[in-house]
Amino acid sequence: MNNRSPQDILLVEPSSLTGSIIVATARQLNLPTVRQVNSLRMAQQRLSHESYAGVIVSLDEQEQEAVALLEQVRNDALAVSADVPVAVTTTQVDASTAVKMKALQVRRVLIKPFKVRDVIATIGLLKDR
């Protein structure tokens, strides 16, 4: 049974611990529901068939693949809107990554380890199109 709402936010986070903290924080504060997937492949499947109000993608494991997924989103190649609000999480950002994120219209880059209030602000930013 799928009780997913179009207001849900998709979180692509390979770390179960980090993902569960974000999901639980959103639930406890009555923010939009955050749905976690652990792989870019699973995210691509979800985004191919379902719409989301926002997307948060980890760049840490496979940055090139994560960027390619964001490019698909922006090129309107998936079921999610091409202008869906996007945020990314990463342990570091260099100049070339910053340029890529700007080109992909990423609204926020969360540097790990991030504070809970930053996650809350990011979810709020994503739900406010």
C-alpha atoms as a PDB file:
ATOM      1  CA  MET A   1       0.000   0.000   0.000  1.00  0.00           C
ATOM      2  CA  ASN A   2       1.469   3.319  -1.088  1.00  0.00           C
ATOM      3  CA  ASN A   3       0.409   6.204   1.115  1.00  0.00           C
ATOM      4  CA  ARG A   4       2.901   8.584  -0.444  1.00  0.00           C
ATOM      5  CA  SER A   5       1.877  12.192  -0.984  1.00  0.00           C
ATOM      6  CA  PRO A   6       3.035  14.474  -3.814  1.00  0.00           C
ATOM      7  CA  GLN A   7       4.250  16.764  -1.012  1.00  0.00           C
ATOM      8  CA  ASP A   8       6.813  14.162   0.088  1.00  0.00           C
ATOM      9  CA  ILE A   9      10.536  14.807  -0.214  1.00  0.00           C
ATOM     10  CA  LEU A  10      12.853  12.112  -1.583  1.00  0.00           C
ATOM     11  CA  LEU A  11      16.127  11.683   0.307  1.00  0.00           C
ATOM     12  CA  VAL A  12      18.926   9.820  -1.451  1.00  0.00           C
ATOM     13  CA  GLU A  13      21.275   8.924   1.399  1.00  0.00           C
ATOM     14  CA  PRO A  14      23.423   5.758   1.544  1.00  0.00           C
ATOM     15  CA  SER A  15      23.976   6.113   5.305  1.00  0.00           C
ATOM     16  CA  SER A  16      21.045   4.557   7.141  1.00  0.00           C
ATOM     17  CA  LEU A  17      21.969   6.487  10.296  1.00  0.00           C
ATOM     18  CA  THR A  18      22.037   9.906   8.609  1.00  0.00           C
ATOM     19  CA  GLY A  19      18.879   9.126   6.659  1.00  0.00           C
ATOM     20  CA  SER A  20      16.954   7.919   9.688  1.00  0.00           C
ATOM     21  CA  ILE A  21      17.875  11.089  11.615  1.00  0.00           C
ATOM     22  CA  ILE A  22      16.539  13.269   8.789  1.00  0.00           C
ATOM     23  CA  VAL A  23      13.357  11.177   8.381  1.00  0.00           C
ATOM     24  CA  ALA A  24      12.672  11.134  12.142  1.00  0.00           C
ATOM     25  CA  THR A  25      13.335  14.867  12.533  1.00  0.00           C
ATOM     26  CA  ALA A  26      10.871  15.692   9.754  1.00  0.00           C
ATOM     27  CA  ARG A  27       8.248  13.393  11.279  1.00  0.00           C
ATOM     28  CA  GLN A  28       8.654  14.775  14.815  1.00  0.00           C
ATOM     29  CA  LEU A  29       8.325  18.375  13.631  1.00  0.00           C
ATOM     30  CA  ASN A  30       5.357  17.720  11.308  1.00  0.00           C
ATOM     31  CA  LEU A  31       7.392  18.712   8.259  1.00  0.00           C
ATOM     32  CA  PRO A  32       6.667  17.142   4.866  1.00  0.00           C
ATOM     33  CA  THR A  33       7.290  13.395   4.895  1.00  0.00           C
ATOM     34  CA  VAL A  34      10.828  12.476   3.893  1.00  0.00           C
ATOM     35  CA  ARG A  35      11.172   9.150   2.034  1.00  0.00           C
ATOM     36  CA  GLN A  36      14.676   7.707   2.110  1.00  0.00           C
ATOM     37  CA  VAL A  37      16.290   5.507  -0.509  1.00  0.00           C
ATOM     38  CA  ASN A  38      19.835   4.186  -0.074  1.00  0.00           C
ATOM     39  CA  SER A  39      21.019   4.186  -3.702  1.00  0.00           C
ATOM     40  CA  LEU A  40      20.994   6.376  -6.771  1.00  0.00           C
ATOM     41  CA  ARG A  41      19.575   3.463  -8.754  1.00  0.00           C
ATOM     42  CA  MET A  42      16.581   3.251  -6.446  1.00  0.00           C
ATOM     43  CA  ALA A  43      16.191   7.048  -6.574  1.00  0.00           C
ATOM     44  CA  GLN A  44      16.146   6.936 -10.363  1.00  0.00           C
ATOM     45  CA  GLN A  45      13.411   4.282 -10.275  1.00  0.00           C
ATOM     46  CA  ARG A  46      11.306   6.340  -7.861  1.00  0.00           C
ATOM     47  CA  LEU A  47      11.813   9.585  -9.766  1.00  0.00           C
ATOM     48  CA  SER A  48      10.945   7.859 -13.040  1.00  0.00           C
ATOM     49  CA  HIS A  49       7.482   6.935 -11.750  1.00  0.00           C
ATOM     50  CA  GLU A  50       6.596   9.340  -8.941  1.00  0.00           C
ATOM     51  CA  SER A  51       6.534  13.071  -8.355  1.00  0.00           C
ATOM     52  CA  TYR A  52       8.042  14.660  -5.257  1.00  0.00           C
ATOM     53  CA  ALA A  53       7.900  18.165  -3.799  1.00  0.00           C
ATOM     54  CA  GLY A  54      11.673  18.165  -3.274  1.00  0.00           C
ATOM     55  CA  VAL A  55      14.781  16.024  -3.555  1.00  0.00           C
ATOM     56  CA  ILE A  56      17.840  15.796  -1.285  1.00  0.00           C
ATOM     57  CA  VAL A  57      20.797  13.905  -2.791  1.00  0.00           C
ATOM     58  CA  SER A  58      24.044  12.813  -1.117  1.00  0.00           C
ATOM     59  CA  LEU A  59      27.120  13.469  -3.269  1.00  0.00           C
ATOM     60  CA  ASP A  60      29.495  11.487  -1.075  1.00  0.00           C
ATOM     61  CA  GLU A  61      29.387   7.970  -2.478  1.00  0.00           C
ATOM     62  CA  GLN A  62      29.084   8.508  -6.221  1.00  0.00           C
ATOM     63  CA  GLU A  63      29.312  12.186  -7.074  1.00  0.00           C
ATOM     64  CA  GLN A  64      29.323  11.744 -10.870  1.00  0.00           C
ATOM     65  CA  GLU A  65      26.244   9.504 -10.772  1.00  0.00           C
ATOM     66  CA  ALA A  66      24.490  11.888  -8.367  1.00  0.00           C
ATOM     67  CA  VAL A  67      25.198  14.825 -10.693  1.00  0.00           C
ATOM     68  CA  ALA A  68      23.927  12.759 -13.646  1.00  0.00           C
ATOM     69  CA  LEU A  69      20.683  12.082 -11.747  1.00  0.00           C
ATOM     70  CA  LEU A  70      20.263  15.808 -11.043  1.00  0.00           C
ATOM     71  CA  GLU A  71      20.901  16.542 -14.727  1.00  0.00           C
ATOM     72  CA  GLN A  72      18.113  14.109 -15.647  1.00  0.00           C
ATOM     73  CA  VAL A  73      15.800  15.920 -13.243  1.00  0.00           C
ATOM     74  CA  ARG A  74      16.656  19.328 -14.731  1.00  0.00           C
ATOM     75  CA  ASN A  75      16.341  17.993 -18.297  1.00  0.00           C
ATOM     76  CA  ASP A  76      12.765  16.862 -17.535  1.00  0.00           C
ATOM     77  CA  ALA A  77      13.715  13.226 -18.192  1.00  0.00           C
ATOM     78  CA  LEU A  78      11.881  11.888 -15.103  1.00  0.00           C
ATOM     79  CA  ALA A  79       8.371  11.995 -13.637  1.00  0.00           C
ATOM     80  CA  VAL A  80       9.389  14.666 -11.140  1.00  0.00           C
ATOM     81  CA  SER A  81       9.056  18.281 -12.297  1.00  0.00           C
ATOM     82  CA  ALA A  82      12.192  19.713 -13.941  1.00  0.00           C
ATOM     83  CA  ASP A  83      12.043  22.675 -11.556  1.00  0.00           C
ATOM     84  CA  VAL A  84      11.641  20.601  -8.383  1.00  0.00           C
ATOM     85  CA  PRO A  85      13.594  22.138  -5.483  1.00  0.00           C
ATOM     86  CA  VAL A  86      16.843  20.245  -4.874  1.00  0.00           C
ATOM     87  CA  ALA A  87      19.368  20.161  -2.036  1.00  0.00           C
ATOM     88  CA  VAL A  88      22.542  18.108  -1.707  1.00  0.00           C
ATOM     89  CA  THR A  89      24.553  16.758   1.193  1.00  0.00           C
ATOM     90  CA  THR A  90      28.310  16.256   1.067  1.00  0.00           C
ATOM     91  CA  THR A  91      31.382  16.216   3.287  1.00  0.00           C
ATOM     92  CA  GLN A  92      33.171  18.870   1.221  1.00  0.00           C
ATOM     93  CA  VAL A  93      32.658  21.226  -1.704  1.00  0.00           C
ATOM     94  CA  ASP A  94      35.377  22.313  -4.078  1.00  0.00           C
ATOM     95  CA  ALA A  95      35.086  25.079  -6.658  1.00  0.00           C
ATOM     96  CA  SER A  96      34.125  22.783  -9.531  1.00  0.00           C
ATOM     97  CA  THR A  97      31.390  21.106  -7.466  1.00  0.00           C
ATOM     98  CA  ALA A  98      30.048  24.518  -6.451  1.00  0.00           C
ATOM     99  CA  VAL A  99      29.845  25.549 -10.123  1.00  0.00           C
ATOM    100  CA  LYS A 100      28.007  22.301 -11.001  1.00  0.00           C
ATOM    101  CA  MET A 101      25.539  22.774  -8.140  1.00  0.00           C
ATOM    102  CA  LYS A 102      24.795  26.333  -9.244  1.00  0.00           C
ATOM    103  CA  ALA A 103      24.239  25.178 -12.843  1.00  0.00           C
ATOM    104  CA  LEU A 104      21.834  22.492 -11.564  1.00  0.00           C
ATOM    105  CA  GLN A 105      19.913  25.096  -9.519  1.00  0.00           C
ATOM    106  CA  VAL A 106      20.646  23.376  -6.219  1.00  0.00           C
ATOM    107  CA  ARG A 107      18.987  25.463  -3.506  1.00  0.00           C
ATOM    108  CA  ARG A 108      21.162  24.368  -0.606  1.00  0.00           C
ATOM    109  CA  VAL A 109      24.351  22.397   0.030  1.00  0.00           C
ATOM    110  CA  LEU A 110      24.458  20.804   3.488  1.00  0.00           C
ATOM    111  CA  ILE A 111      28.007  20.049   4.626  1.00  0.00           C
ATOM    112  CA  LYS A 112      28.284  16.895   6.757  1.00  0.00           C
ATOM    113  CA  PRO A 113      28.186  16.726   9.675  1.00  0.00           C
ATOM    114  CA  PHE A 114      25.285  19.168   9.624  1.00  0.00           C
ATOM    115  CA  LYS A 115      23.114  20.451  12.437  1.00  0.00           C
ATOM    116  CA  VAL A 116      19.500  19.381  12.815  1.00  0.00           C
ATOM    117  CA  ARG A 117      18.341  23.002  12.429  1.00  0.00           C
ATOM    118  CA  ASP A 118      20.036  23.080   8.998  1.00  0.00           C
ATOM    119  CA  VAL A 119      18.083  20.002   7.922  1.00  0.00           C
ATOM    120  CA  ILE A 120      14.841  21.575   9.161  1.00  0.00           C
ATOM    121  CA  ALA A 121      15.586  24.788   7.261  1.00  0.00           C
ATOM    122  CA  THR A 122      16.438  22.809   4.132  1.00  0.00           C
ATOM    123  CA  ILE A 123      13.200  20.802   4.232  1.00  0.00           C
ATOM    124  CA  GLY A 124      11.313  24.070   4.693  1.00  0.00           C
ATOM    125  CA  LEU A 125      13.155  25.569   1.731  1.00  0.00           C
ATOM    126  CA  LEU A 126      12.294  22.588  -0.468  1.00  0.00           C
ATOM    127  CA  LYS A 127       8.589  22.613   0.356  1.00  0.00           C
ATOM    128  CA  ASP A 128       8.294  26.327  -0.444  1.00  0.00           C
ATOM    129  CA  ARG A 129       8.487  26.255  -4.205  1.00  0.00           C
END
